[in-house]
Amino acid sequence: RSLSQIITYDAFHKAEAFLRQPLLVIAGSEAGSKWMSDDL
């Protein structure tokens, strides 16, 4: 039942408006999740 909520979850929702503090992103070049770091 919760699958539809998980699939649509966006941890960075409104980052373009509210994430104004200093930010350091560290990611591995071979990480399957690197696209999320690029997006953030």
PDB file of all heavy atoms in Angstrom:
ATOM      1  N   ARG A   1       0.809  -1.220   0.000  1.00  0.00           N
ATOM      2  CA  ARG A   1       0.000   0.000   0.000  1.00  0.00           C
ATOM      3  C   ARG A   1       0.842   1.270   0.000  1.00  0.00           C
ATOM      4  O   ARG A   1       0.434   2.307  -0.516  1.00  0.00           O
ATOM      5  CB  ARG A   1      -0.895  -0.019   1.232  1.00  0.00           C
ATOM      6  CG  ARG A   1      -2.283   0.444   0.962  1.00  0.00           C
ATOM      7  CD  ARG A   1      -3.115   0.197   2.152  1.00  0.00           C
ATOM      8  NE  ARG A   1      -3.050   1.420   2.954  1.00  0.00           N
ATOM      9  CZ  ARG A   1      -3.695   1.598   4.064  1.00  0.00           C
ATOM     10  NH1 ARG A   1      -4.409   0.639   4.567  1.00  0.00           N
ATOM     11  NH2 ARG A   1      -3.620   2.720   4.715  1.00  0.00           N
ATOM     12  N   SER A   2       2.031   1.209   0.592  1.00  0.00           N
ATOM     13  CA  SER A   2       2.875   2.404   0.687  1.00  0.00           C
ATOM     14  C   SER A   2       3.779   2.596  -0.529  1.00  0.00           C
ATOM     15  O   SER A   2       4.477   3.600  -0.627  1.00  0.00           O
ATOM     16  CB  SER A   2       3.735   2.340   1.945  1.00  0.00           C
ATOM     17  OG  SER A   2       4.670   1.277   1.864  1.00  0.00           O
ATOM     18  N   LEU A   3       3.769   1.659  -1.455  1.00  0.00           N
ATOM     19  CA  LEU A   3       4.661   1.728  -2.612  1.00  0.00           C
ATOM     20  C   LEU A   3       4.473   3.015  -3.414  1.00  0.00           C
ATOM     21  O   LEU A   3       5.438   3.657  -3.821  1.00  0.00           O
ATOM     22  CB  LEU A   3       4.455   0.508  -3.505  1.00  0.00           C
ATOM     23  CG  LEU A   3       5.469   0.291  -4.605  1.00  0.00           C
ATOM     24  CD1 LEU A   3       6.889   0.211  -4.033  1.00  0.00           C
ATOM     25  CD2 LEU A   3       5.141  -0.968  -5.387  1.00  0.00           C
ATOM     26  N   SER A   4       3.245   3.436  -3.635  1.00  0.00           N
ATOM     27  CA  SER A   4       3.002   4.655  -4.420  1.00  0.00           C
ATOM     28  C   SER A   4       3.556   5.893  -3.717  1.00  0.00           C
ATOM     29  O   SER A   4       3.981   6.849  -4.367  1.00  0.00           O
ATOM     30  CB  SER A   4       1.514   4.838  -4.709  1.00  0.00           C
ATOM     31  OG  SER A   4       0.807   5.020  -3.494  1.00  0.00           O
ATOM     32  N   GLN A   5       3.581   5.890  -2.393  1.00  0.00           N
ATOM     33  CA  GLN A   5       4.142   7.019  -1.653  1.00  0.00           C
ATOM     34  C   GLN A   5       5.663   7.026  -1.737  1.00  0.00           C
ATOM     35  O   GLN A   5       6.278   8.078  -1.828  1.00  0.00           O
ATOM     36  CB  GLN A   5       3.694   6.970  -0.199  1.00  0.00           C
ATOM     37  CG  GLN A   5       2.207   7.168  -0.042  1.00  0.00           C
ATOM     38  CD  GLN A   5       1.743   6.873   1.367  1.00  0.00           C
ATOM     39  OE1 GLN A   5       2.305   6.027   2.044  1.00  0.00           O
ATOM     40  NE2 GLN A   5       0.715   7.577   1.806  1.00  0.00           N
ATOM     41  N   ILE A   6       6.265   5.865  -1.692  1.00  0.00           N
ATOM     42  CA  ILE A   6       7.725   5.771  -1.755  1.00  0.00           C
ATOM     43  C   ILE A   6       8.230   6.141  -3.140  1.00  0.00           C
ATOM     44  O   ILE A   6       9.219   6.860  -3.282  1.00  0.00           O
ATOM     45  CB  ILE A   6       8.182   4.353  -1.355  1.00  0.00           C
ATOM     46  CG1 ILE A   6       7.901   4.119   0.124  1.00  0.00           C
ATOM     47  CG2 ILE A   6       9.656   4.138  -1.665  1.00  0.00           C
ATOM     48  CD1 ILE A   6       8.081   2.689   0.573  1.00  0.00           C
ATOM     49  N   ILE A   7       7.575   5.667  -4.169  1.00  0.00           N
ATOM     50  CA  ILE A   7       8.012   5.922  -5.541  1.00  0.00           C
ATOM     51  C   ILE A   7       7.999   7.414  -5.857  1.00  0.00           C
ATOM     52  O   ILE A   7       8.875   7.921  -6.554  1.00  0.00           O
ATOM     53  CB  ILE A   7       7.143   5.129  -6.541  1.00  0.00           C
ATOM     54  CG1 ILE A   7       7.472   3.639  -6.433  1.00  0.00           C
ATOM     55  CG2 ILE A   7       7.346   5.613  -7.969  1.00  0.00           C
ATOM     56  CD1 ILE A   7       6.562   2.741  -7.227  1.00  0.00           C
ATOM     57  N   THR A   8       7.021   8.132  -5.356  1.00  0.00           N
ATOM     58  CA  THR A   8       6.897   9.558  -5.671  1.00  0.00           C
ATOM     59  C   THR A   8       7.651  10.457  -4.703  1.00  0.00           C
ATOM     60  O   THR A   8       7.666  11.673  -4.880  1.00  0.00           O
ATOM     61  CB  THR A   8       5.414   9.974  -5.679  1.00  0.00           C
ATOM     62  OG1 THR A   8       4.863   9.720  -4.388  1.00  0.00           O
ATOM     63  CG2 THR A   8       4.642   9.208  -6.739  1.00  0.00           C
ATOM     64  N   TYR A   9       8.305   9.880  -3.682  1.00  0.00           N
ATOM     65  CA  TYR A   9       9.012  10.682  -2.682  1.00  0.00           C
ATOM     66  C   TYR A   9      10.217  11.391  -3.305  1.00  0.00           C
ATOM     67  O   TYR A   9      10.998  10.796  -4.030  1.00  0.00           O
ATOM     68  CB  TYR A   9       9.479   9.800  -1.526  1.00  0.00           C
ATOM     69  CG  TYR A   9      10.285  10.549  -0.489  1.00  0.00           C
ATOM     70  CD1 TYR A   9       9.673  11.459   0.354  1.00  0.00           C
ATOM     71  CD2 TYR A   9      11.659  10.366  -0.382  1.00  0.00           C
ATOM     72  CE1 TYR A   9      10.395  12.160   1.300  1.00  0.00           C
ATOM     73  CE2 TYR A   9      12.400  11.061   0.564  1.00  0.00           C
ATOM     74  CZ  TYR A   9      11.759  11.948   1.398  1.00  0.00           C
ATOM     75  OH  TYR A   9      12.483  12.645   2.321  1.00  0.00           O
ATOM     76  N   ASP A  10      10.363  12.661  -3.034  1.00  0.00           N
ATOM     77  CA  ASP A  10      11.492  13.460  -3.524  1.00  0.00           C
ATOM     78  C   ASP A  10      12.151  14.128  -2.316  1.00  0.00           C
ATOM     79  O   ASP A  10      11.637  15.102  -1.782  1.00  0.00           O
ATOM     80  CB  ASP A  10      10.983  14.512  -4.505  1.00  0.00           C
ATOM     81  CG  ASP A  10      12.088  15.427  -5.033  1.00  0.00           C
ATOM     82  OD1 ASP A  10      13.270  15.215  -4.694  1.00  0.00           O
ATOM     83  OD2 ASP A  10      11.766  16.364  -5.784  1.00  0.00           O
ATOM     84  N   ALA A  11      13.277  13.602  -1.903  1.00  0.00           N
ATOM     85  CA  ALA A  11      13.967  14.126  -0.714  1.00  0.00           C
ATOM     86  C   ALA A  11      14.439  15.563  -0.913  1.00  0.00           C
ATOM     87  O   ALA A  11      14.707  16.267   0.056  1.00  0.00           O
ATOM     88  CB  ALA A  11      15.155  13.231  -0.374  1.00  0.00           C
ATOM     89  N   PHE A  12      14.549  15.999  -2.137  1.00  0.00           N
ATOM     90  CA  PHE A  12      15.056  17.347  -2.423  1.00  0.00           C
ATOM     91  C   PHE A  12      13.960  18.294  -2.887  1.00  0.00           C
ATOM     92  O   PHE A  12      14.239  19.330  -3.480  1.00  0.00           O
ATOM     93  CB  PHE A  12      16.173  17.272  -3.463  1.00  0.00           C
ATOM     94  CG  PHE A  12      17.250  16.284  -3.119  1.00  0.00           C
ATOM     95  CD1 PHE A  12      17.729  15.406  -4.064  1.00  0.00           C
ATOM     96  CD2 PHE A  12      17.784  16.219  -1.841  1.00  0.00           C
ATOM     97  CE1 PHE A  12      18.734  14.497  -3.754  1.00  0.00           C
ATOM     98  CE2 PHE A  12      18.773  15.321  -1.514  1.00  0.00           C
ATOM     99  CZ  PHE A  12      19.246  14.453  -2.478  1.00  0.00           C
ATOM    100  N   HIS A  13      12.703  17.948  -2.603  1.00  0.00           N
ATOM    101  CA  HIS A  13      11.578  18.795  -2.992  1.00  0.00           C
ATOM    102  C   HIS A  13      11.780  20.217  -2.466  1.00  0.00           C
ATOM    103  O   HIS A  13      12.039  20.427  -1.298  1.00  0.00           O
ATOM    104  CB  HIS A  13      10.280  18.196  -2.429  1.00  0.00           C
ATOM    105  CG  HIS A  13       9.059  18.956  -2.792  1.00  0.00           C
ATOM    106  ND1 HIS A  13       8.593  19.046  -4.086  1.00  0.00           N
ATOM    107  CD2 HIS A  13       8.202  19.688  -2.045  1.00  0.00           C
ATOM    108  CE1 HIS A  13       7.510  19.782  -4.110  1.00  0.00           C
ATOM    109  NE2 HIS A  13       7.253  20.191  -2.882  1.00  0.00           N
ATOM    110  N   LYS A  14      11.698  21.175  -3.346  1.00  0.00           N
ATOM    111  CA  LYS A  14      11.841  22.599  -3.037  1.00  0.00           C
ATOM    112  C   LYS A  14      13.273  23.014  -2.667  1.00  0.00           C
ATOM    113  O   LYS A  14      13.482  24.078  -2.092  1.00  0.00           O
ATOM    114  CB  LYS A  14      10.876  23.033  -1.931  1.00  0.00           C
ATOM    115  CG  LYS A  14       9.423  22.868  -2.311  1.00  0.00           C
ATOM    116  CD  LYS A  14       9.009  23.886  -3.323  1.00  0.00           C
ATOM    117  CE  LYS A  14       7.519  23.803  -3.582  1.00  0.00           C
ATOM    118  NZ  LYS A  14       7.090  24.700  -4.612  1.00  0.00           N
ATOM    119  N   ALA A  15      14.272  22.190  -3.001  1.00  0.00           N
ATOM    120  CA  ALA A  15      15.670  22.559  -2.731  1.00  0.00           C
ATOM    121  C   ALA A  15      16.026  23.856  -3.448  1.00  0.00           C
ATOM    122  O   ALA A  15      16.806  24.664  -2.939  1.00  0.00           O
ATOM    123  CB  ALA A  15      16.619  21.445  -3.174  1.00  0.00           C
ATOM    124  N   GLU A  16      15.434  24.073  -4.598  1.00  0.00           N
ATOM    125  CA  GLU A  16      15.721  25.290  -5.364  1.00  0.00           C
ATOM    126  C   GLU A  16      15.175  26.543  -4.672  1.00  0.00           C
ATOM    127  O   GLU A  16      15.592  27.657  -4.981  1.00  0.00           O
ATOM    128  CB  GLU A  16      15.183  25.186  -6.790  1.00  0.00           C
ATOM    129  CG  GLU A  16      13.711  24.903  -6.908  1.00  0.00           C
ATOM    130  CD  GLU A  16      13.324  23.439  -6.732  1.00  0.00           C
ATOM    131  OE1 GLU A  16      14.183  22.547  -6.694  1.00  0.00           O
ATOM    132  OE2 GLU A  16      12.116  23.200  -6.608  1.00  0.00           O
ATOM    133  N   ALA A  17      14.297  26.373  -3.718  1.00  0.00           N
ATOM    134  CA  ALA A  17      13.752  27.509  -2.976  1.00  0.00           C
ATOM    135  C   ALA A  17      14.308  27.616  -1.561  1.00  0.00           C
ATOM    136  O   ALA A  17      14.585  28.717  -1.088  1.00  0.00           O
ATOM    137  CB  ALA A  17      12.224  27.397  -2.912  1.00  0.00           C
ATOM    138  N   PHE A  18      14.477  26.482  -0.894  1.00  0.00           N
ATOM    139  CA  PHE A  18      14.778  26.513   0.538  1.00  0.00           C
ATOM    140  C   PHE A  18      16.199  26.106   0.931  1.00  0.00           C
ATOM    141  O   PHE A  18      16.629  26.417   2.036  1.00  0.00           O
ATOM    142  CB  PHE A  18      13.792  25.635   1.302  1.00  0.00           C
ATOM    143  CG  PHE A  18      12.368  26.107   1.171  1.00  0.00           C
ATOM    144  CD1 PHE A  18      11.407  25.302   0.599  1.00  0.00           C
ATOM    145  CD2 PHE A  18      12.002  27.370   1.603  1.00  0.00           C
ATOM    146  CE1 PHE A  18      10.098  25.733   0.469  1.00  0.00           C
ATOM    147  CE2 PHE A  18      10.703  27.817   1.480  1.00  0.00           C
ATOM    148  CZ  PHE A  18       9.750  27.003   0.913  1.00  0.00           C
ATOM    149  N   LEU A  19      16.934  25.417   0.069  1.00  0.00           N
ATOM    150  CA  LEU A  19      18.286  24.966   0.429  1.00  0.00           C
ATOM    151  C   LEU A  19      19.277  26.089   0.125  1.00  0.00           C
ATOM    152  O   LEU A  19      19.932  26.116  -0.903  1.00  0.00           O
ATOM    153  CB  LEU A  19      18.654  23.681  -0.314  1.00  0.00           C
ATOM    154  CG  LEU A  19      19.979  23.035   0.074  1.00  0.00           C
ATOM    155  CD1 LEU A  19      20.114  22.832   1.575  1.00  0.00           C
ATOM    156  CD2 LEU A  19      20.155  21.716  -0.646  1.00  0.00           C
ATOM    157  N   ARG A  20      19.355  27.039   1.056  1.00  0.00           N
ATOM    158  CA  ARG A  20      20.168  28.245   0.863  1.00  0.00           C
ATOM    159  C   ARG A  20      21.438  28.250   1.698  1.00  0.00           C
ATOM    160  O   ARG A  20      22.299  29.091   1.507  1.00  0.00           O
ATOM    161  CB  ARG A  20      19.335  29.479   1.191  1.00  0.00           C
ATOM    162  CG  ARG A  20      18.129  29.612   0.305  1.00  0.00           C
ATOM    163  CD  ARG A  20      17.379  30.903   0.552  1.00  0.00           C
ATOM    164  NE  ARG A  20      16.268  31.043  -0.358  1.00  0.00           N
ATOM    165  CZ  ARG A  20      16.368  31.423  -1.624  1.00  0.00           C
ATOM    166  NH1 ARG A  20      17.537  31.686  -2.135  1.00  0.00           N
ATOM    167  NH2 ARG A  20      15.291  31.521  -2.382  1.00  0.00           N
ATOM    168  N   GLN A  21      21.561  27.342   2.644  1.00  0.00           N
ATOM    169  CA  GLN A  21      22.750  27.300   3.490  1.00  0.00           C
ATOM    170  C   GLN A  21      23.932  26.706   2.711  1.00  0.00           C
ATOM    171  O   GLN A  21      23.743  26.104   1.661  1.00  0.00           O
ATOM    172  CB  GLN A  21      22.484  26.520   4.780  1.00  0.00           C
ATOM    173  CG  GLN A  21      22.154  25.069   4.582  1.00  0.00           C
ATOM    174  CD  GLN A  21      20.668  24.808   4.469  1.00  0.00           C
ATOM    175  OE1 GLN A  21      19.934  25.574   3.865  1.00  0.00           O
ATOM    176  NE2 GLN A  21      20.220  23.721   5.031  1.00  0.00           N
ATOM    177  N   PRO A  22      25.160  26.894   3.212  1.00  0.00           N
ATOM    178  CA  PRO A  22      26.328  26.322   2.539  1.00  0.00           C
ATOM    179  C   PRO A  22      26.136  24.816   2.335  1.00  0.00           C
ATOM    180  O   PRO A  22      25.581  24.123   3.191  1.00  0.00           O
ATOM    181  CB  PRO A  22      27.473  26.607   3.498  1.00  0.00           C
ATOM    182  CG  PRO A  22      27.032  27.813   4.258  1.00  0.00           C
ATOM    183  CD  PRO A  22      25.545  27.652   4.406  1.00  0.00           C
ATOM    184  N   LEU A  23      26.596  24.341   1.204  1.00  0.00           N
ATOM    185  CA  LEU A  23      26.367  22.943   0.828  1.00  0.00           C
ATOM    186  C   LEU A  23      27.645  22.324   0.295  1.00  0.00           C
ATOM    187  O   LEU A  23      28.317  22.905  -0.560  1.00  0.00           O
ATOM    188  CB  LEU A  23      25.280  22.891  -0.251  1.00  0.00           C
ATOM    189  CG  LEU A  23      24.973  21.536  -0.880  1.00  0.00           C
ATOM    190  CD1 LEU A  23      24.333  20.602   0.155  1.00  0.00           C
ATOM    191  CD2 LEU A  23      24.052  21.711  -2.087  1.00  0.00           C
ATOM    192  N   LEU A  24      27.971  21.167   0.814  1.00  0.00           N
ATOM    193  CA  LEU A  24      29.060  20.340   0.284  1.00  0.00           C
ATOM    194  C   LEU A  24      28.460  19.000  -0.073  1.00  0.00           C
ATOM    195  O   LEU A  24      27.885  18.322   0.782  1.00  0.00           O
ATOM    196  CB  LEU A  24      30.171  20.155   1.311  1.00  0.00           C
ATOM    197  CG  LEU A  24      31.243  19.111   0.960  1.00  0.00           C
ATOM    198  CD1 LEU A  24      31.997  19.502  -0.313  1.00  0.00           C
ATOM    199  CD2 LEU A  24      32.203  18.926   2.119  1.00  0.00           C
ATOM    200  N   VAL A  25      28.569  18.623  -1.330  1.00  0.00           N
ATOM    201  CA  VAL A  25      28.096  17.332  -1.798  1.00  0.00           C
ATOM    202  C   VAL A  25      29.317  16.483  -2.105  1.00  0.00           C
ATOM    203  O   VAL A  25      30.229  16.932  -2.790  1.00  0.00           O
ATOM    204  CB  VAL A  25      27.215  17.483  -3.060  1.00  0.00           C
ATOM    205  CG1 VAL A  25      26.793  16.128  -3.600  1.00  0.00           C
ATOM    206  CG2 VAL A  25      26.008  18.351  -2.782  1.00  0.00           C
ATOM    207  N   ILE A  26      29.336  15.259  -1.568  1.00  0.00           N
ATOM    208  CA  ILE A  26      30.417  14.316  -1.852  1.00  0.00           C
ATOM    209  C   ILE A  26      29.776  13.056  -2.409  1.00  0.00           C
ATOM    210  O   ILE A  26      28.851  12.507  -1.810  1.00  0.00           O
ATOM    211  CB  ILE A  26      31.228  13.986  -0.585  1.00  0.00           C
ATOM    212  CG1 ILE A  26      31.873  15.253  -0.024  1.00  0.00           C
ATOM    213  CG2 ILE A  26      32.287  12.923  -0.891  1.00  0.00           C
ATOM    214  CD1 ILE A  26      32.611  15.064   1.286  1.00  0.00           C
ATOM    215  N   ALA A  27      30.263  12.613  -3.554  1.00  0.00           N
ATOM    216  CA  ALA A  27      29.709  11.420  -4.194  1.00  0.00           C
ATOM    217  C   ALA A  27      30.821  10.624  -4.846  1.00  0.00           C
ATOM    218  O   ALA A  27      31.850  11.175  -5.235  1.00  0.00           O
ATOM    219  CB  ALA A  27      28.675  11.819  -5.242  1.00  0.00           C
ATOM    220  N   GLY A  28      30.594   9.334  -4.963  1.00  0.00           N
ATOM    221  CA  GLY A  28      31.528   8.472  -5.674  1.00  0.00           C
ATOM    222  C   GLY A  28      31.253   8.509  -7.163  1.00  0.00           C
ATOM    223  O   GLY A  28      30.089   8.517  -7.577  1.00  0.00           O
ATOM    224  N   SER A  29      32.289   8.513  -7.964  1.00  0.00           N
ATOM    225  CA  SER A  29      32.105   8.583  -9.416  1.00  0.00           C
ATOM    226  C   SER A  29      31.396   7.353  -9.964  1.00  0.00           C
ATOM    227  O   SER A  29      30.750   7.422 -11.007  1.00  0.00           O
ATOM    228  CB  SER A  29      33.456   8.765 -10.121  1.00  0.00           C
ATOM    229  OG  SER A  29      34.276   7.622  -9.921  1.00  0.00           O
ATOM    230  N   GLU A  30      31.497   6.238  -9.274  1.00  0.00           N
ATOM    231  CA  GLU A  30      30.881   4.991  -9.730  1.00  0.00           C
ATOM    232  C   GLU A  30      29.595   4.652  -8.968  1.00  0.00           C
ATOM    233  O   GLU A  30      29.067   3.558  -9.118  1.00  0.00           O
ATOM    234  CB  GLU A  30      31.874   3.832  -9.580  1.00  0.00           C
ATOM    235  CG  GLU A  30      33.192   4.040 -10.310  1.00  0.00           C
ATOM    236  CD  GLU A  30      33.010   4.310 -11.802  1.00  0.00           C
ATOM    237  OE1 GLU A  30      32.222   3.601 -12.447  1.00  0.00           O
ATOM    238  OE2 GLU A  30      33.640   5.258 -12.312  1.00  0.00           O
ATOM    239  N   ALA A  31      29.117   5.574  -8.163  1.00  0.00           N
ATOM    240  CA  ALA A  31      27.912   5.321  -7.366  1.00  0.00           C
ATOM    241  C   ALA A  31      26.676   5.317  -8.261  1.00  0.00           C
ATOM    242  O   ALA A  31      26.484   6.236  -9.059  1.00  0.00           O
ATOM    243  CB  ALA A  31      27.772   6.378  -6.277  1.00  0.00           C
ATOM    244  N   GLY A  32      25.850   4.318  -8.090  1.00  0.00           N
ATOM    245  CA  GLY A  32      24.597   4.281  -8.832  1.00  0.00           C
ATOM    246  C   GLY A  32      23.676   5.426  -8.451  1.00  0.00           C
ATOM    247  O   GLY A  32      22.795   5.813  -9.209  1.00  0.00           O
ATOM    248  N   SER A  33      23.901   5.988  -7.287  1.00  0.00           N
ATOM    249  CA  SER A  33      23.084   7.094  -6.787  1.00  0.00           C
ATOM    250  C   SER A  33      23.679   8.465  -7.106  1.00  0.00           C
ATOM    251  O   SER A  33      23.134   9.475  -6.675  1.00  0.00           O
ATOM    252  CB  SER A  33      22.922   6.956  -5.269  1.00  0.00           C
ATOM    253  OG  SER A  33      24.199   6.952  -4.647  1.00  0.00           O
ATOM    254  N   LYS A  34      24.777   8.510  -7.869  1.00  0.00           N
ATOM    255  CA  LYS A  34      25.435   9.801  -8.141  1.00  0.00           C
ATOM    256  C   LYS A  34      24.493  10.786  -8.838  1.00  0.00           C
ATOM    257  O   LYS A  34      24.569  11.989  -8.607  1.00  0.00           O
ATOM    258  CB  LYS A  34      26.703   9.627  -8.963  1.00  0.00           C
ATOM    259  CG  LYS A  34      27.445  10.955  -9.161  1.00  0.00           C
ATOM    260  CD  LYS A  34      28.753  10.769  -9.880  1.00  0.00           C
ATOM    261  CE  LYS A  34      29.438  12.091 -10.121  1.00  0.00           C
ATOM    262  NZ  LYS A  34      28.685  12.987 -11.017  1.00  0.00           N
ATOM    263  N   TRP A  35      23.591  10.284  -9.642  1.00  0.00           N
ATOM    264  CA  TRP A  35      22.662  11.177 -10.334  1.00  0.00           C
ATOM    265  C   TRP A  35      21.847  12.000  -9.347  1.00  0.00           C
ATOM    266  O   TRP A  35      21.479  13.140  -9.636  1.00  0.00           O
ATOM    267  CB  TRP A  35      21.757  10.393 -11.281  1.00  0.00           C
ATOM    268  CG  TRP A  35      20.762   9.508 -10.601  1.00  0.00           C
ATOM    269  CD1 TRP A  35      20.936   8.205 -10.220  1.00  0.00           C
ATOM    270  CD2 TRP A  35      19.449   9.869 -10.186  1.00  0.00           C
ATOM    271  NE1 TRP A  35      19.812   7.727  -9.595  1.00  0.00           N
ATOM    272  CE2 TRP A  35      18.872   8.730  -9.565  1.00  0.00           C
ATOM    273  CE3 TRP A  35      18.696  11.024 -10.269  1.00  0.00           C
ATOM    274  CZ2 TRP A  35      17.577   8.729  -9.042  1.00  0.00           C
ATOM    275  CZ3 TRP A  35      17.410  11.027  -9.738  1.00  0.00           C
ATOM    276  CH2 TRP A  35      16.863   9.890  -9.144  1.00  0.00           C
ATOM    277  N   MET A  36      21.578  11.442  -8.165  1.00  0.00           N
ATOM    278  CA  MET A  36      20.838  12.191  -7.153  1.00  0.00           C
ATOM    279  C   MET A  36      21.678  13.348  -6.609  1.00  0.00           C
ATOM    280  O   MET A  36      21.156  14.432  -6.360  1.00  0.00           O
ATOM    281  CB  MET A  36      20.415  11.268  -6.013  1.00  0.00           C
ATOM    282  CG  MET A  36      19.414  10.240  -6.395  1.00  0.00           C
ATOM    283  SD  MET A  36      18.999   9.270  -4.945  1.00  0.00           S
ATOM    284  CE  MET A  36      18.534   7.751  -5.711  1.00  0.00           C
ATOM    285  N   SER A  37      22.970  13.110  -6.430  1.00  0.00           N
ATOM    286  CA  SER A  37      23.866  14.175  -5.972  1.00  0.00           C
ATOM    287  C   SER A  37      23.975  15.261  -7.032  1.00  0.00           C
ATOM    288  O   SER A  37      23.976  16.453  -6.712  1.00  0.00           O
ATOM    289  CB  SER A  37      25.251  13.595  -5.666  1.00  0.00           C
ATOM    290  OG  SER A  37      25.167  12.621  -4.664  1.00  0.00           O
ATOM    291  N   ASP A  38      24.083  14.857  -8.300  1.00  0.00           N
ATOM    292  CA  ASP A  38      24.122  15.833  -9.399  1.00  0.00           C
ATOM    293  C   ASP A  38      22.851  16.676  -9.412  1.00  0.00           C
ATOM    294  O   ASP A  38      22.906  17.903  -9.564  1.00  0.00           O
ATOM    295  CB  ASP A  38      24.265  15.114 -10.749  1.00  0.00           C
ATOM    296  CG  ASP A  38      25.577  14.379 -10.914  1.00  0.00           C
ATOM    297  OD1 ASP A  38      26.593  14.807 -10.330  1.00  0.00           O
ATOM    298  OD2 ASP A  38      25.589  13.361 -11.634  1.00  0.00           O
ATOM    299  N   ASP A  39      21.723  16.021  -9.214  1.00  0.00           N
ATOM    300  CA  ASP A  39      20.431  16.714  -9.213  1.00  0.00           C
ATOM    301  C   ASP A  39      20.334  17.700  -8.055  1.00  0.00           C
ATOM    302  O   ASP A  39      19.931  18.849  -8.236  1.00  0.00           O
ATOM    303  CB  ASP A  39      19.305  15.676  -9.144  1.00  0.00           C
ATOM    304  CG  ASP A  39      17.926  16.306  -9.165  1.00  0.00           C
ATOM    305  OD1 ASP A  39      17.684  17.192 -10.002  1.00  0.00           O
ATOM    306  OD2 ASP A  39      17.086  15.897  -8.337  1.00  0.00           O
ATOM    307  N   LEU A  40      20.712  17.244  -6.861  1.00  0.00           N
ATOM    308  CA  LEU A  40      20.667  18.138  -5.695  1.00  0.00           C
ATOM    309  C   LEU A  40      21.561  19.348  -5.917  1.00  0.00           C
ATOM    310  O   LEU A  40      21.156  20.482  -5.673  1.00  0.00           O
ATOM    311  CB  LEU A  40      21.104  17.410  -4.430  1.00  0.00           C
ATOM    312  CG  LEU A  40      21.271  18.309  -3.192  1.00  0.00           C
ATOM    313  CD1 LEU A  40      19.938  18.925  -2.794  1.00  0.00           C
ATOM    314  CD2 LEU A  40      21.882  17.536  -2.052  1.00  0.00           C
TER     315      LEU A  40
END
